[in-house]
Amino acid sequence: SGARLGGCQLTPDIRVDLATAAAAIDDCATLLLRAAGGAPTPLHRMVLLDRDRAVLALRLAMLLLPS
């Protein structure tokens, strides 16, 4: 949760938080795309970049933290 992120504590639980964040951002991107009639917009592209950053953080956490 936010308490772990504020202290920059890399515990195995952070993987769950990052996966949840990536999924929520992806849901947001999907809704934005639907709202724009299926045409990508600058805002949609920005949200996709945020999702990609969240996925990258998740992958790094999976590599750096023990199971």
PDB file of N, CA and C in Angstrom:
ATOM      1  N   SER A   1       0.834  -1.190   0.000  1.00  0.00           N
ATOM      2  CA  SER A   1       0.000   0.000   0.000  1.00  0.00           C
ATOM      3  C   SER A   1       0.867   1.238   0.000  1.00  0.00           C
ATOM      4  N   GLY A   2       0.264   2.401   0.095  1.00  0.00           N
ATOM      5  CA  GLY A   2       0.985   3.664   0.047  1.00  0.00           C
ATOM      6  C   GLY A   2       2.021   3.824   1.140  1.00  0.00           C
ATOM      7  N   ALA A   3       1.803   3.222   2.304  1.00  0.00           N
ATOM      8  CA  ALA A   3       2.767   3.347   3.407  1.00  0.00           C
ATOM      9  C   ALA A   3       4.106   2.731   3.028  1.00  0.00           C
ATOM     10  N   ARG A   4       4.090   1.616   2.340  1.00  0.00           N
ATOM     11  CA  ARG A   4       5.346   0.978   1.919  1.00  0.00           C
ATOM     12  C   ARG A   4       6.046   1.819   0.868  1.00  0.00           C
ATOM     13  N   LEU A   5       5.285   2.407  -0.044  1.00  0.00           N
ATOM     14  CA  LEU A   5       5.900   3.207  -1.089  1.00  0.00           C
ATOM     15  C   LEU A   5       6.524   4.471  -0.525  1.00  0.00           C
ATOM     16  N   GLY A   6       5.883   5.087   0.455  1.00  0.00           N
ATOM     17  CA  GLY A   6       6.410   6.311   1.055  1.00  0.00           C
ATOM     18  C   GLY A   6       7.758   6.108   1.705  1.00  0.00           C
ATOM     19  N   GLY A   7       7.976   4.942   2.273  1.00  0.00           N
ATOM     20  CA  GLY A   7       9.244   4.652   2.928  1.00  0.00           C
ATOM     21  C   GLY A   7      10.232   3.956   2.022  1.00  0.00           C
ATOM     22  N   CYS A   8       9.840   3.711   0.795  1.00  0.00           N
ATOM     23  CA  CYS A   8      10.691   3.034  -0.188  1.00  0.00           C
ATOM     24  C   CYS A   8      11.156   1.679   0.331  1.00  0.00           C
ATOM     25  N   GLN A   9      10.261   0.971   0.975  1.00  0.00           N
ATOM     26  CA  GLN A   9      10.577  -0.358   1.479  1.00  0.00           C
ATOM     27  C   GLN A   9      10.198  -1.378   0.414  1.00  0.00           C
ATOM     28  N   LEU A  10      11.177  -2.081  -0.073  1.00  0.00           N
ATOM     29  CA  LEU A  10      10.922  -3.083  -1.100  1.00  0.00           C
ATOM     30  C   LEU A  10      10.670  -4.429  -0.439  1.00  0.00           C
ATOM     31  N   THR A  11       9.432  -4.659  -0.087  1.00  0.00           N
ATOM     32  CA  THR A  11       9.031  -5.936   0.492  1.00  0.00           C
ATOM     33  C   THR A  11       8.328  -6.744  -0.597  1.00  0.00           C
ATOM     34  N   PRO A  12       8.250  -8.043  -0.435  1.00  0.00           N
ATOM     35  CA  PRO A  12       7.556  -8.851  -1.448  1.00  0.00           C
ATOM     36  C   PRO A  12       6.111  -8.406  -1.703  1.00  0.00           C
ATOM     37  N   ASP A  13       5.478  -7.786  -0.718  1.00  0.00           N
ATOM     38  CA  ASP A  13       4.094  -7.324  -0.891  1.00  0.00           C
ATOM     39  C   ASP A  13       3.966  -6.245  -1.961  1.00  0.00           C
ATOM     40  N   ILE A  14       5.050  -5.554  -2.252  1.00  0.00           N
ATOM     41  CA  ILE A  14       4.967  -4.461  -3.222  1.00  0.00           C
ATOM     42  C   ILE A  14       4.616  -4.986  -4.611  1.00  0.00           C
ATOM     43  N   ARG A  15       4.933  -6.254  -4.868  1.00  0.00           N
ATOM     44  CA  ARG A  15       4.584  -6.830  -6.174  1.00  0.00           C
ATOM     45  C   ARG A  15       3.073  -6.838  -6.372  1.00  0.00           C
ATOM     46  N   VAL A  16       2.341  -7.130  -5.323  1.00  0.00           N
ATOM     47  CA  VAL A  16       0.875  -7.125  -5.412  1.00  0.00           C
ATOM     48  C   VAL A  16       0.384  -5.710  -5.687  1.00  0.00           C
ATOM     49  N   ASP A  17       0.951  -4.738  -4.974  1.00  0.00           N
ATOM     50  CA  ASP A  17       0.555  -3.344  -5.179  1.00  0.00           C
ATOM     51  C   ASP A  17       0.841  -2.894  -6.608  1.00  0.00           C
ATOM     52  N   LEU A  18       2.000  -3.243  -7.127  1.00  0.00           N
ATOM     53  CA  LEU A  18       2.366  -2.838  -8.484  1.00  0.00           C
ATOM     54  C   LEU A  18       1.487  -3.522  -9.528  1.00  0.00           C
ATOM     55  N   ALA A  19       1.169  -4.783  -9.319  1.00  0.00           N
ATOM     56  CA  ALA A  19       0.286  -5.490 -10.254  1.00  0.00           C
ATOM     57  C   ALA A  19      -1.110  -4.872 -10.239  1.00  0.00           C
ATOM     58  N   THR A  20      -1.591  -4.520  -9.056  1.00  0.00           N
ATOM     59  CA  THR A  20      -2.898  -3.877  -8.935  1.00  0.00           C
ATOM     60  C   THR A  20      -2.898  -2.526  -9.631  1.00  0.00           C
ATOM     61  N   ALA A  21      -1.829  -1.761  -9.444  1.00  0.00           N
ATOM     62  CA  ALA A  21      -1.721  -0.449 -10.090  1.00  0.00           C
ATOM     63  C   ALA A  21      -1.699  -0.589 -11.608  1.00  0.00           C
ATOM     64  N   ALA A  22      -0.920  -1.525 -12.124  1.00  0.00           N
ATOM     65  CA  ALA A  22      -0.842  -1.719 -13.576  1.00  0.00           C
ATOM     66  C   ALA A  22      -2.208  -2.099 -14.143  1.00  0.00           C
ATOM     67  N   ALA A  23      -2.930  -2.958 -13.450  1.00  0.00           N
ATOM     68  CA  ALA A  23      -4.260  -3.369 -13.915  1.00  0.00           C
ATOM     69  C   ALA A  23      -5.239  -2.198 -13.893  1.00  0.00           C
ATOM     70  N   ALA A  24      -5.180  -1.378 -12.854  1.00  0.00           N
ATOM     71  CA  ALA A  24      -6.079  -0.223 -12.756  1.00  0.00           C
ATOM     72  C   ALA A  24      -5.778   0.796 -13.854  1.00  0.00           C
ATOM     73  N   ILE A  25      -4.506   1.013 -14.124  1.00  0.00           N
ATOM     74  CA  ILE A  25      -4.128   1.952 -15.185  1.00  0.00           C
ATOM     75  C   ILE A  25      -4.580   1.415 -16.539  1.00  0.00           C
ATOM     76  N   ASP A  26      -4.453   0.114 -16.745  1.00  0.00           N
ATOM     77  CA  ASP A  26      -4.903  -0.490 -18.000  1.00  0.00           C
ATOM     78  C   ASP A  26      -6.411  -0.333 -18.162  1.00  0.00           C
ATOM     79  N   ASP A  27      -7.152  -0.506 -17.085  1.00  0.00           N
ATOM     80  CA  ASP A  27      -8.603  -0.295 -17.132  1.00  0.00           C
ATOM     81  C   ASP A  27      -8.925   1.143 -17.521  1.00  0.00           C
ATOM     82  N   CYS A  28      -8.184   2.080 -16.967  1.00  0.00           N
ATOM     83  CA  CYS A  28      -8.378   3.497 -17.291  1.00  0.00           C
ATOM     84  C   CYS A  28      -8.121   3.740 -18.778  1.00  0.00           C
ATOM     85  N   ALA A  29      -7.046   3.165 -19.298  1.00  0.00           N
ATOM     86  CA  ALA A  29      -6.720   3.334 -20.720  1.00  0.00           C
ATOM     87  C   ALA A  29      -7.828   2.775 -21.603  1.00  0.00           C
ATOM     88  N   THR A  30      -8.374   1.638 -21.218  1.00  0.00           N
ATOM     89  CA  THR A  30      -9.459   1.027 -21.990  1.00  0.00           C
ATOM     90  C   THR A  30     -10.687   1.926 -22.003  1.00  0.00           C
ATOM     91  N   LEU A  31     -11.033   2.483 -20.849  1.00  0.00           N
ATOM     92  CA  LEU A  31     -12.192   3.382 -20.776  1.00  0.00           C
ATOM     93  C   LEU A  31     -11.971   4.650 -21.591  1.00  0.00           C
ATOM     94  N   LEU A  32     -10.757   5.190 -21.555  1.00  0.00           N
ATOM     95  CA  LEU A  32     -10.458   6.381 -22.353  1.00  0.00           C
ATOM     96  C   LEU A  32     -10.593   6.097 -23.842  1.00  0.00           C
ATOM     97  N   LEU A  33     -10.122   4.945 -24.259  1.00  0.00           N
ATOM     98  CA  LEU A  33     -10.209   4.581 -25.671  1.00  0.00           C
ATOM     99  C   LEU A  33     -11.667   4.442 -26.104  1.00  0.00           C
ATOM    100  N   ARG A  34     -12.475   3.817 -25.263  1.00  0.00           N
ATOM    101  CA  ARG A  34     -13.906   3.681 -25.575  1.00  0.00           C
ATOM    102  C   ARG A  34     -14.576   5.050 -25.644  1.00  0.00           C
ATOM    103  N   ALA A  35     -14.235   5.933 -24.699  1.00  0.00           N
ATOM    104  CA  ALA A  35     -14.847   7.261 -24.659  1.00  0.00           C
ATOM    105  C   ALA A  35     -14.500   8.071 -25.904  1.00  0.00           C
ATOM    106  N   ALA A  36     -13.348   7.794 -26.487  1.00  0.00           N
ATOM    107  CA  ALA A  36     -12.919   8.522 -27.686  1.00  0.00           C
ATOM    108  C   ALA A  36     -13.377   7.817 -28.961  1.00  0.00           C
ATOM    109  N   GLY A  37     -14.263   6.840 -28.829  1.00  0.00           N
ATOM    110  CA  GLY A  37     -14.769   6.138 -29.997  1.00  0.00           C
ATOM    111  C   GLY A  37     -13.761   5.207 -30.637  1.00  0.00           C
ATOM    112  N   GLY A  38     -12.799   4.754 -29.859  1.00  0.00           N
ATOM    113  CA  GLY A  38     -11.804   3.817 -30.373  1.00  0.00           C
ATOM    114  C   GLY A  38     -10.585   4.466 -30.993  1.00  0.00           C
ATOM    115  N   ALA A  39     -10.577   5.781 -31.041  1.00  0.00           N
ATOM    116  CA  ALA A  39      -9.430   6.491 -31.621  1.00  0.00           C
ATOM    117  C   ALA A  39      -8.469   6.902 -30.509  1.00  0.00           C
ATOM    118  N   PRO A  40      -7.203   6.509 -30.618  1.00  0.00           N
ATOM    119  CA  PRO A  40      -6.228   6.914 -29.594  1.00  0.00           C
ATOM    120  C   PRO A  40      -6.096   8.438 -29.531  1.00  0.00           C
ATOM    121  N   THR A  41      -5.992   8.946 -28.334  1.00  0.00           N
ATOM    122  CA  THR A  41      -5.816  10.385 -28.113  1.00  0.00           C
ATOM    123  C   THR A  41      -4.494  10.601 -27.382  1.00  0.00           C
ATOM    124  N   PRO A  42      -4.025  11.847 -27.315  1.00  0.00           N
ATOM    125  CA  PRO A  42      -2.797  12.103 -26.550  1.00  0.00           C
ATOM    126  C   PRO A  42      -2.917  11.656 -25.088  1.00  0.00           C
ATOM    127  N   LEU A  43      -4.083  11.859 -24.480  1.00  0.00           N
ATOM    128  CA  LEU A  43      -4.277  11.434 -23.091  1.00  0.00           C
ATOM    129  C   LEU A  43      -4.200   9.911 -22.984  1.00  0.00           C
ATOM    130  N   HIS A  44      -4.803   9.216 -23.923  1.00  0.00           N
ATOM    131  CA  HIS A  44      -4.753   7.751 -23.922  1.00  0.00           C
ATOM    132  C   HIS A  44      -3.312   7.273 -24.022  1.00  0.00           C
ATOM    133  N   ARG A  45      -2.534   7.888 -24.896  1.00  0.00           N
ATOM    134  CA  ARG A  45      -1.129   7.498 -25.042  1.00  0.00           C
ATOM    135  C   ARG A  45      -0.345   7.766 -23.758  1.00  0.00           C
ATOM    136  N   MET A  46      -0.652   8.864 -23.080  1.00  0.00           N
ATOM    137  CA  MET A  46       0.020   9.160 -21.805  1.00  0.00           C
ATOM    138  C   MET A  46      -0.306   8.094 -20.764  1.00  0.00           C
ATOM    139  N   VAL A  47      -1.558   7.676 -20.716  1.00  0.00           N
ATOM    140  CA  VAL A  47      -1.965   6.652 -19.754  1.00  0.00           C
ATOM    141  C   VAL A  47      -1.278   5.323 -20.080  1.00  0.00           C
ATOM    142  N   LEU A  48      -1.147   5.008 -21.367  1.00  0.00           N
ATOM    143  CA  LEU A  48      -0.441   3.782 -21.745  1.00  0.00           C
ATOM    144  C   LEU A  48       1.019   3.822 -21.299  1.00  0.00           C
ATOM    145  N   LEU A  49       1.642   4.979 -21.411  1.00  0.00           N
ATOM    146  CA  LEU A  49       3.024   5.108 -20.934  1.00  0.00           C
ATOM    147  C   LEU A  49       3.100   4.898 -19.423  1.00  0.00           C
ATOM    148  N   ASP A  50       2.115   5.421 -18.699  1.00  0.00           N
ATOM    149  CA  ASP A  50       2.077   5.194 -17.248  1.00  0.00           C
ATOM    150  C   ASP A  50       1.925   3.708 -16.939  1.00  0.00           C
ATOM    151  N   ARG A  51       1.078   3.029 -17.704  1.00  0.00           N
ATOM    152  CA  ARG A  51       0.911   1.587 -17.510  1.00  0.00           C
ATOM    153  C   ARG A  51       2.224   0.859 -17.777  1.00  0.00           C
ATOM    154  N   ASP A  52       2.901   1.250 -18.838  1.00  0.00           N
ATOM    155  CA  ASP A  52       4.174   0.603 -19.167  1.00  0.00           C
ATOM    156  C   ASP A  52       5.200   0.819 -18.055  1.00  0.00           C
ATOM    157  N   ARG A  53       5.202   1.996 -17.462  1.00  0.00           N
ATOM    158  CA  ARG A  53       6.112   2.259 -16.335  1.00  0.00           C
ATOM    159  C   ARG A  53       5.761   1.390 -15.133  1.00  0.00           C
ATOM    160  N   ALA A  54       4.473   1.229 -14.868  1.00  0.00           N
ATOM    161  CA  ALA A  54       4.050   0.383 -13.748  1.00  0.00           C
ATOM    162  C   ALA A  54       4.446  -1.072 -13.993  1.00  0.00           C
ATOM    163  N   VAL A  55       4.302  -1.538 -15.219  1.00  0.00           N
ATOM    164  CA  VAL A  55       4.688  -2.915 -15.549  1.00  0.00           C
ATOM    165  C   VAL A  55       6.200  -3.075 -15.422  1.00  0.00           C
ATOM    166  N   LEU A  56       6.952  -2.080 -15.863  1.00  0.00           N
ATOM    167  CA  LEU A  56       8.409  -2.133 -15.723  1.00  0.00           C
ATOM    168  C   LEU A  56       8.808  -2.200 -14.250  1.00  0.00           C
ATOM    169  N   ALA A  57       8.175  -1.377 -13.421  1.00  0.00           N
ATOM    170  CA  ALA A  57       8.464  -1.410 -11.982  1.00  0.00           C
ATOM    171  C   ALA A  57       8.128  -2.783 -11.396  1.00  0.00           C
ATOM    172  N   LEU A  58       7.026  -3.364 -11.838  1.00  0.00           N
ATOM    173  CA  LEU A  58       6.643  -4.702 -11.372  1.00  0.00           C
ATOM    174  C   LEU A  58       7.685  -5.736 -11.778  1.00  0.00           C
ATOM    175  N   ARG A  59       8.125  -5.681 -13.013  1.00  0.00           N
ATOM    176  CA  ARG A  59       9.130  -6.650 -13.476  1.00  0.00           C
ATOM    177  C   ARG A  59      10.442  -6.497 -12.715  1.00  0.00           C
ATOM    178  N   LEU A  60      10.836  -5.261 -12.460  1.00  0.00           N
ATOM    179  CA  LEU A  60      12.055  -5.038 -11.675  1.00  0.00           C
ATOM    180  C   LEU A  60      11.897  -5.580 -10.260  1.00  0.00           C
ATOM    181  N   ALA A  61      10.739  -5.344  -9.659  1.00  0.00           N
ATOM    182  CA  ALA A  61      10.492  -5.860  -8.307  1.00  0.00           C
ATOM    183  C   ALA A  61      10.540  -7.381  -8.297  1.00  0.00           C
ATOM    184  N   MET A  62      10.031  -8.002  -9.342  1.00  0.00           N
ATOM    185  CA  MET A  62      10.053  -9.462  -9.408  1.00  0.00           C
ATOM    186  C   MET A  62      11.486  -9.986  -9.524  1.00  0.00           C
ATOM    187  N   LEU A  63      12.335  -9.237 -10.197  1.00  0.00           N
ATOM    188  CA  LEU A  63      13.732  -9.649 -10.327  1.00  0.00           C
ATOM    189  C   LEU A  63      14.533  -9.403  -9.049  1.00  0.00           C
ATOM    190  N   LEU A  64      14.227  -8.296  -8.370  1.00  0.00           N
ATOM    191  CA  LEU A  64      15.039  -7.877  -7.227  1.00  0.00           C
ATOM    192  C   LEU A  64      14.626  -8.491  -5.901  1.00  0.00           C
ATOM    193  N   LEU A  65      13.369  -8.883  -5.792  1.00  0.00           N
ATOM    194  CA  LEU A  65      12.867  -9.369  -4.506  1.00  0.00           C
ATOM    195  C   LEU A  65      12.695 -10.875  -4.520  1.00  0.00           C
ATOM    196  N   PRO A  66      13.046 -11.515  -3.428  1.00  0.00           N
ATOM    197  CA  PRO A  66      12.815 -12.960  -3.348  1.00  0.00           C
ATOM    198  C   PRO A  66      11.320 -13.262  -3.281  1.00  0.00           C
ATOM    199  N   SER A  67      10.968 -14.458  -3.646  1.00  0.00           N
ATOM    200  CA  SER A  67       9.547 -14.862  -3.629  1.00  0.00           C
ATOM    201  C   SER A  67       9.007 -14.936  -2.232  1.00  0.00           C
TER     202      SER A  67
END
